[in-house]
């Protein structure tokens, strides 16, 4: 299956008209900052875009992309510190940007990036853990595993280990992933629940299992992407690679059972016919990225490649409006568990969260999937 030719124009336009003109303090893709009037700070949302920009740089060699990523990152770094990041928030989302720091440090050798990398790593050294050894998702979400935390933290952990030729961290990642598979995977569908509360005290947690009640597409999408990225980092002769490959192939196949006729997936993927459910583009694109990467890495078969490209093409054809700046629709702005809003993980909750356009949580996976498909074409 071939990529839709519209994608080239869409990606070119996103880069030219949305990414490169965006100031680091007010990036046009960060809808949360605009809607909630947040002050600029180090965050996972912007880091996702910069990650996708660096991926495009890898396949195109366009130095404007690399320079932009460096300049954007430098805005948040001061003498090797990241002033707007507090490690004692123990927020796994904040670790996500460490992947970009590692890439830029390897390319430039500038110590300011090394110091910033060490700050992020120092958080993980102190990160509170559940009794089973898994990280808390954040200090404000104690004793909880959130599925998307795998993407945010663990590829960074694996890649960081290369700096010091120390693979002892692989065992830590292995144990945490084994726990996630044992606790959060649903035996009937093969899908993973959004969250787990060790204390069973949260409003969203099942009193017996500690699990949230629904499968949320984007959390599974981030999980798939995290596993795919780990497979691309960890050597094939390591048992961690085997575990990640097995888990990735399993969850990608499990998701593929629930695709719509056009190859897309719904906000609640296992309930496509429930009233109010809808095609959610960010999660669909993360599925596309992970599926194509799984095949590129020799983990999954060509039927999964076709599923990934079909998902990408359907979003391109049906959910992007061609304007000067393309408009990607059907992006769930955010969804979480508990907190002050008492987010209860119910069907009603997920289907009533705000839907936005052109948010980074959709645009970044679009660029990531595009880059991975282009990489496939060059193999």
Protein backbone atom coordinates (compact mmCIF):
# COMPACT_ATOMS: atom_id res chain seq x y z
CA UNK A 1 0.00 0.00 0.00
CA UNK A 2 1.34 3.42 -0.98
CA UNK A 3 1.25 6.63 1.04
CA UNK A 4 -1.30 9.21 -0.08
CA UNK A 5 0.49 11.79 -2.24
CA UNK A 6 -1.34 14.59 -0.40
CA UNK A 7 0.78 13.81 2.64
CA UNK A 8 3.91 15.35 1.10
CA UNK A 9 2.15 18.68 0.61
CA UNK A 10 0.56 18.56 4.05
CA UNK A 11 3.85 17.89 5.81
CA UNK A 12 5.64 20.57 3.77
CA UNK A 13 2.95 23.08 4.69
CA UNK A 14 2.98 22.15 8.39
CA UNK A 15 6.72 22.67 8.52
CA UNK A 16 6.72 25.89 6.51
CA UNK A 17 3.61 27.55 7.93
CA UNK A 18 3.13 26.16 11.43
CA UNK A 19 6.34 24.69 12.86
CA UNK A 20 9.16 26.97 11.69
CA UNK A 21 7.23 30.24 12.31
CA UNK A 22 6.31 29.20 15.89
CA UNK A 23 8.05 31.06 18.70
CA UNK A 24 9.14 28.79 21.59
CA UNK A 25 7.16 30.85 24.10
CA UNK A 26 3.94 30.65 22.05
CA UNK A 27 4.01 27.65 19.70
CA UNK A 28 0.95 27.57 17.48
CA UNK A 29 0.46 23.85 18.06
CA UNK A 30 0.05 23.92 21.86
CA UNK A 31 -3.72 24.25 22.31
CA UNK A 32 -3.54 23.69 26.06
CA UNK A 33 -1.43 26.82 26.47
CA UNK A 34 -3.92 28.87 24.45
CA UNK A 35 -7.08 27.48 26.03
CA UNK A 36 -5.87 27.50 29.63
CA UNK A 37 -3.52 30.50 29.27
CA UNK A 38 -0.56 28.58 30.58
CA UNK A 39 2.81 30.22 30.89
CA UNK A 40 5.51 28.66 28.70
CA UNK A 41 7.45 25.91 30.42
CA UNK A 42 9.22 22.64 29.67
CA UNK A 43 6.46 20.20 28.66
CA UNK A 44 5.90 16.94 26.85
CA UNK A 45 3.57 18.45 24.24
CA UNK A 46 6.17 20.71 22.66
CA UNK A 47 8.76 17.95 23.06
CA UNK A 48 6.63 15.68 20.85
CA UNK A 49 6.72 18.21 18.04
CA UNK A 50 10.48 18.70 18.37
CA UNK A 51 10.93 14.92 18.32
CA UNK A 52 8.97 14.71 15.06
CA UNK A 53 11.00 17.60 13.59
CA UNK A 54 14.22 15.75 14.39
CA UNK A 55 12.82 12.61 12.77
CA UNK A 56 12.11 14.60 9.61
CA UNK A 57 15.62 16.04 9.74
CA UNK A 58 16.98 12.48 9.84
CA UNK A 59 15.25 11.50 6.61
CA UNK A 60 15.61 14.81 4.72
CA UNK A 61 18.92 16.27 5.93
CA UNK A 62 17.23 19.69 6.00
CA UNK A 63 19.41 21.63 8.46
CA UNK A 64 16.67 24.22 9.01
CA UNK A 65 14.78 21.53 10.91
CA UNK A 66 17.74 20.70 13.13
CA UNK A 67 18.49 24.37 13.75
CA UNK A 68 14.89 25.01 14.70
CA UNK A 69 14.89 22.09 17.15
CA UNK A 70 18.08 23.38 18.74
CA UNK A 71 16.83 26.96 19.02
CA UNK A 72 13.51 25.85 20.46
CA UNK A 73 15.24 23.63 23.03
CA UNK A 74 17.73 26.37 23.94
CA UNK A 75 14.85 28.64 24.91
CA UNK A 76 14.15 26.36 27.88
CA UNK A 77 17.77 25.76 28.93
CA UNK A 78 19.89 28.12 31.00
CA UNK A 79 23.49 27.16 31.78
CA UNK A 80 22.53 23.50 31.47
CA UNK A 81 19.56 23.89 33.79
CA UNK A 82 15.89 23.67 32.85
CA UNK A 83 14.46 26.46 35.04
CA UNK A 84 10.79 25.72 34.36
CA UNK A 85 11.12 22.02 35.25
CA UNK A 86 10.93 20.95 38.90
CA UNK A 87 12.27 17.42 39.31
CA UNK A 88 10.33 17.06 42.56
CA UNK A 89 7.07 17.17 40.63
CA UNK A 90 8.20 13.65 39.65
CA UNK A 91 6.25 14.14 36.42
CA UNK A 92 7.11 11.42 33.91
CA UNK A 93 5.77 13.64 31.12
CA UNK A 94 8.71 16.00 31.71
CA UNK A 95 11.16 13.20 30.90
CA UNK A 96 9.91 13.06 27.31
CA UNK A 97 12.00 16.04 26.22
CA UNK A 98 15.14 14.26 27.39
CA UNK A 99 15.06 12.22 24.17
CA UNK A 100 15.58 15.40 22.15
CA UNK A 101 18.37 16.52 24.45
CA UNK A 102 20.14 13.21 23.92
CA UNK A 103 19.86 13.55 20.15
CA UNK A 104 21.10 17.13 20.10
CA UNK A 105 23.93 16.37 22.53
CA UNK A 106 25.14 13.50 20.37
CA UNK A 107 25.10 15.79 17.32
CA UNK A 108 26.73 18.84 18.91
CA UNK A 109 28.67 17.63 21.96
CA UNK A 110 27.71 20.82 23.80
CA UNK A 111 27.87 20.33 27.56
CA UNK A 112 24.79 22.42 28.28
CA UNK A 113 22.69 19.58 26.84
CA UNK A 114 24.58 17.02 28.88
CA UNK A 115 23.84 18.95 32.07
CA UNK A 116 20.17 19.17 31.16
CA UNK A 117 20.11 15.43 30.44
CA UNK A 118 21.58 14.78 33.87
CA UNK A 119 18.88 16.91 35.50
CA UNK A 120 16.19 14.78 33.89
CA UNK A 121 17.99 11.59 34.83
CA UNK A 122 18.30 12.81 38.42
CA UNK A 123 14.50 12.90 38.58
CA UNK A 124 14.26 9.26 37.57
CA UNK A 125 16.88 8.31 40.18
CA UNK A 126 14.57 9.75 42.84
CA UNK A 127 11.23 8.86 41.21
CA UNK A 128 8.85 7.30 43.79
CA UNK A 129 7.76 3.76 43.02
CA UNK A 130 4.87 1.43 43.68
CA UNK A 131 5.54 -1.65 45.78
CA UNK A 132 6.05 -3.67 42.59
CA UNK A 133 8.86 -1.33 41.45
CA UNK A 134 7.00 0.73 38.83
CA UNK A 135 7.30 4.50 38.75
CA UNK A 136 4.54 6.73 40.05
CA UNK A 137 3.17 8.71 37.12
CA UNK A 138 3.49 12.02 38.98
CA UNK A 139 3.82 13.23 42.56
CA UNK A 140 0.20 14.41 42.35
CA UNK A 141 -0.83 10.92 41.17
CA UNK A 142 0.85 8.73 43.80
CA UNK A 143 0.90 4.93 43.61
CA UNK A 144 -0.48 5.07 40.06
CA UNK A 145 0.70 3.72 36.71
CA UNK A 146 -0.56 5.57 33.64
CA UNK A 147 -0.02 3.77 30.35
CA UNK A 148 1.41 6.78 28.50
CA UNK A 149 4.22 7.04 31.05
CA UNK A 150 5.94 4.19 29.22
CA UNK A 151 6.44 6.40 26.17
CA UNK A 152 7.45 9.43 28.18
CA UNK A 153 10.21 7.85 30.25
CA UNK A 154 11.46 4.47 29.16
CA UNK A 155 12.99 5.16 25.74
CA UNK A 156 14.93 7.97 27.43
CA UNK A 157 16.12 5.55 30.11
CA UNK A 158 17.32 3.05 27.52
CA UNK A 159 19.06 5.64 25.36
CA UNK A 160 20.64 7.35 28.37
CA UNK A 161 22.30 4.07 29.29
CA UNK A 162 24.28 4.24 26.03
CA UNK A 163 26.09 7.37 27.23
CA UNK A 164 27.80 5.33 29.94
CA UNK A 165 27.70 1.92 28.29
CA UNK A 166 25.65 0.71 31.25
CA UNK A 167 22.79 -1.62 30.36
CA UNK A 168 21.85 -2.42 33.95
CA UNK A 169 18.81 -0.16 33.48
CA UNK A 170 17.42 -2.71 31.01
CA UNK A 171 16.42 -4.96 33.88
CA UNK A 172 14.53 -2.12 35.56
CA UNK A 173 12.60 -1.40 32.36
CA UNK A 174 11.98 -5.13 31.86
CA UNK A 175 10.43 -5.52 35.31
CA UNK A 176 8.24 -2.44 34.89
CA UNK A 177 6.96 -3.59 31.50
CA UNK A 178 6.30 -7.09 32.79
CA UNK A 179 4.24 -5.56 35.60
CA UNK A 180 2.28 -3.44 33.11
CA UNK A 181 1.53 -6.51 30.98
CA UNK A 182 0.54 -8.58 34.00
CA UNK A 183 -1.66 -5.92 35.61
CA UNK A 184 -3.04 -3.68 32.84
CA UNK A 185 -3.53 -5.97 29.84
CA UNK A 186 -7.08 -7.22 29.30
CA UNK A 187 -7.08 -10.94 28.58
CA UNK A 188 -10.17 -10.80 26.35
CA UNK A 189 -9.22 -7.99 23.99
CA UNK A 190 -5.46 -7.73 24.39
CA UNK A 191 -5.90 -3.99 24.99
CA UNK A 192 -4.49 -2.12 27.98
CA UNK A 193 -6.38 -0.06 30.54
CA UNK A 194 -5.46 3.60 30.93
CA UNK A 195 -4.45 3.48 34.58
CA UNK A 196 -3.79 1.40 37.67
CA UNK A 197 -4.04 2.52 41.30
CA UNK A 198 -2.12 0.34 43.72
CA UNK A 199 -4.15 1.66 46.68
CA UNK A 200 -7.55 1.10 45.01
CA UNK A 201 -8.58 4.44 46.57
CA UNK A 202 -9.09 6.64 43.50
CA UNK A 203 -12.58 7.44 42.22
CA UNK A 204 -11.73 5.76 38.93
CA UNK A 205 -10.13 2.60 40.30
CA UNK A 206 -11.89 -0.74 40.45
CA UNK A 207 -11.98 -1.78 44.09
CA UNK A 208 -10.71 -5.28 43.27
CA UNK A 209 -8.28 -4.76 40.38
CA UNK A 210 -7.24 -1.13 40.86
CA UNK A 211 -7.76 -0.58 37.12
CA UNK A 212 -9.58 2.21 35.33
CA UNK A 213 -12.71 1.13 33.54
CA UNK A 214 -12.11 1.90 29.84
CA UNK A 215 -9.53 1.49 27.08
CA UNK A 216 -8.54 4.99 25.94
CA UNK A 217 -7.07 5.06 22.45
CA UNK A 218 -4.33 7.66 22.84
CA UNK A 219 -2.92 6.08 25.98
CA UNK A 220 -2.63 2.79 24.11
CA UNK A 221 -1.14 4.66 21.17
CA UNK A 222 1.60 6.22 23.32
CA UNK A 223 2.22 2.81 24.83
CA UNK A 224 2.68 1.28 21.37
CA UNK A 225 5.00 4.10 20.33
CA UNK A 226 7.07 3.64 23.48
CA UNK A 227 7.47 -0.07 22.83
CA UNK A 228 8.36 0.59 19.19
CA UNK A 229 10.98 3.16 20.16
CA UNK A 230 12.46 0.81 22.76
CA UNK A 231 12.77 -1.87 20.08
CA UNK A 232 14.72 0.61 17.99
CA UNK A 233 17.13 1.38 20.85
CA UNK A 234 17.72 -1.88 22.71
CA UNK A 235 19.97 -4.43 20.93
CA UNK A 236 18.20 -7.49 19.58
CA UNK A 237 20.27 -9.87 21.72
CA UNK A 238 18.86 -8.38 24.94
CA UNK A 239 15.90 -10.03 26.65
CA UNK A 240 14.35 -6.57 26.99
CA UNK A 241 14.19 -6.31 23.20
CA UNK A 242 12.37 -9.65 23.01
CA UNK A 243 9.87 -8.55 25.63
CA UNK A 244 9.21 -5.20 23.93
CA UNK A 245 8.85 -6.88 20.53
CA UNK A 246 6.39 -9.46 21.88
CA UNK A 247 4.31 -6.83 23.65
CA UNK A 248 4.33 -4.49 20.65
CA UNK A 249 3.30 -7.14 18.14
CA UNK A 250 0.56 -8.34 20.49
CA UNK A 251 -1.00 -4.94 21.17
CA UNK A 252 -0.74 -3.79 17.54
CA UNK A 253 -2.59 -6.92 16.43
CA UNK A 254 -5.12 -6.45 19.23
CA UNK A 255 -5.81 -2.86 18.15
CA UNK A 256 -6.10 -3.89 14.50
CA UNK A 257 -9.14 -6.01 15.39
CA UNK A 258 -11.02 -2.82 16.27
CA UNK A 259 -10.21 -0.63 13.27
CA UNK A 260 -13.11 0.95 11.44
CA UNK A 261 -13.75 0.10 7.80
CA UNK A 262 -11.50 3.00 6.76
CA UNK A 263 -8.66 1.84 9.00
CA UNK A 264 -9.08 4.46 11.72
CA UNK A 265 -9.77 3.87 15.41
CA UNK A 266 -12.22 5.37 17.88
CA UNK A 267 -11.68 7.31 21.09
CA UNK A 268 -12.93 4.21 22.90
CA UNK A 269 -11.57 1.62 20.45
CA UNK A 270 -13.35 -1.41 21.84
CA UNK A 271 -16.77 0.30 21.65
CA UNK A 272 -17.00 1.68 18.09
CA UNK A 273 -20.81 1.59 18.01
CA UNK A 274 -21.46 3.40 21.29
CA UNK A 275 -23.38 6.64 20.83
CA UNK A 276 -21.04 9.61 20.87
CA UNK A 277 -17.91 7.63 20.08
CA UNK A 278 -15.84 9.08 17.25
CA UNK A 279 -12.73 8.58 15.15
CA UNK A 280 -9.88 10.01 17.20
CA UNK A 281 -6.99 11.06 14.99
CA UNK A 282 -4.07 11.35 17.42
CA UNK A 283 -4.45 7.77 18.63
CA UNK A 284 -5.04 6.52 15.10
CA UNK A 285 -1.79 8.16 13.99
CA UNK A 286 0.15 6.69 16.91
CA UNK A 287 -1.18 3.30 15.83
CA UNK A 288 0.00 4.05 12.28
CA UNK A 289 3.47 5.09 13.47
CA UNK A 290 3.90 2.06 15.69
CA UNK A 291 2.57 -0.40 13.10
CA UNK A 292 4.92 0.82 10.37
CA UNK A 293 7.88 0.91 12.74
CA UNK A 294 7.10 -2.61 13.96
CA UNK A 295 7.39 -3.84 10.38
CA UNK A 296 10.47 -1.73 9.65
CA UNK A 297 12.16 -3.38 12.63
CA UNK A 298 11.19 -6.87 11.47
CA UNK A 299 8.79 -7.45 14.35
CA UNK A 300 5.42 -7.62 12.55
CA UNK A 301 4.30 -8.86 9.15
CA UNK A 302 3.18 -6.91 6.08
CA UNK A 303 -0.50 -7.00 6.99
CA UNK A 304 0.36 -4.71 9.90
CA UNK A 305 2.28 -2.42 7.56
CA UNK A 306 -0.81 -2.15 5.37
CA UNK A 307 -2.98 -1.43 8.43
CA UNK A 308 -0.64 1.36 9.52
CA UNK A 309 -0.49 3.01 6.10
CA UNK A 310 -4.25 2.68 5.66
CA UNK A 311 -4.82 4.44 8.98
CA UNK A 312 -2.42 7.22 7.99
CA UNK A 313 -3.99 7.64 4.55
CA UNK A 314 -7.51 7.76 5.98
CA UNK A 315 -6.56 10.57 8.35
CA UNK A 316 -4.89 12.38 5.44
CA UNK A 317 -7.94 12.04 3.20
CA UNK A 318 -10.82 12.45 5.65
CA UNK A 319 -9.64 14.39 8.69
CA UNK A 320 -7.28 17.06 7.35
CA UNK A 321 -8.66 20.20 5.73
CA UNK A 322 -6.31 21.58 3.07
CA UNK A 323 -5.71 25.25 3.84
CA UNK A 324 -2.57 27.44 4.01
CA UNK A 325 -1.98 25.71 7.31
CA UNK A 326 -3.60 22.25 7.09
CA UNK A 327 -6.21 21.60 9.77
CA UNK A 328 -6.12 18.20 11.50
CA UNK A 329 -9.47 17.48 13.14
CA UNK A 330 -10.81 15.12 15.84
CA UNK A 331 -8.01 15.42 18.40
CA UNK A 332 -8.98 14.74 22.00
CA UNK A 333 -7.36 17.68 23.81
CA UNK A 334 -6.62 15.79 27.01
CA UNK A 335 -7.90 12.98 29.20
CA UNK A 336 -6.69 11.99 32.62
CA UNK A 337 -7.66 10.19 35.78
CA UNK A 338 -8.83 11.60 39.10
CA UNK A 339 -7.42 14.90 40.27
CA UNK A 340 -9.48 17.95 41.14
CA UNK A 341 -11.86 17.26 38.27
CA UNK A 342 -12.67 13.80 39.62
CA UNK A 343 -12.13 12.23 36.22
CA UNK A 344 -13.77 8.86 36.74
CA UNK A 345 -12.58 6.98 33.60
CA UNK A 346 -16.16 6.29 32.60
CA UNK A 347 -17.40 5.99 29.04
CA UNK A 348 -19.23 9.29 29.47
CA UNK A 349 -16.09 11.03 30.69
CA UNK A 350 -13.90 10.07 27.72
CA UNK A 351 -16.60 10.88 25.17
CA UNK A 352 -17.20 14.35 26.61
CA UNK A 353 -13.62 15.56 26.78
CA UNK A 354 -12.90 18.57 24.56
CA UNK A 355 -12.11 17.88 20.90
CA UNK A 356 -9.75 20.31 19.14
CA UNK A 357 -7.93 20.91 15.86
CA UNK A 358 -4.21 21.20 15.09
CA UNK A 359 -2.98 20.33 18.55
CA UNK A 360 0.53 18.91 18.83
CA UNK A 361 -0.81 15.64 20.22
CA UNK A 362 -2.18 15.00 16.73
CA UNK A 363 0.29 16.87 14.53
CA UNK A 364 3.38 15.26 16.09
CA UNK A 365 2.12 11.68 15.51
CA UNK A 366 1.20 12.68 11.93
CA UNK A 367 4.77 13.84 11.28
CA UNK A 368 6.19 10.81 13.11
CA UNK A 369 4.10 8.38 11.05
CA UNK A 370 5.01 10.19 7.84
CA UNK A 371 8.72 10.00 8.69
CA UNK A 372 8.50 6.29 9.50
CA UNK A 373 6.65 5.54 6.26
CA UNK A 374 9.24 7.51 4.27
CA UNK A 375 11.97 5.56 6.03
CA UNK A 376 10.20 2.39 4.91
CA UNK A 377 10.25 3.55 1.32
CA UNK A 378 14.00 4.06 1.45
CA UNK A 379 14.77 0.58 2.84
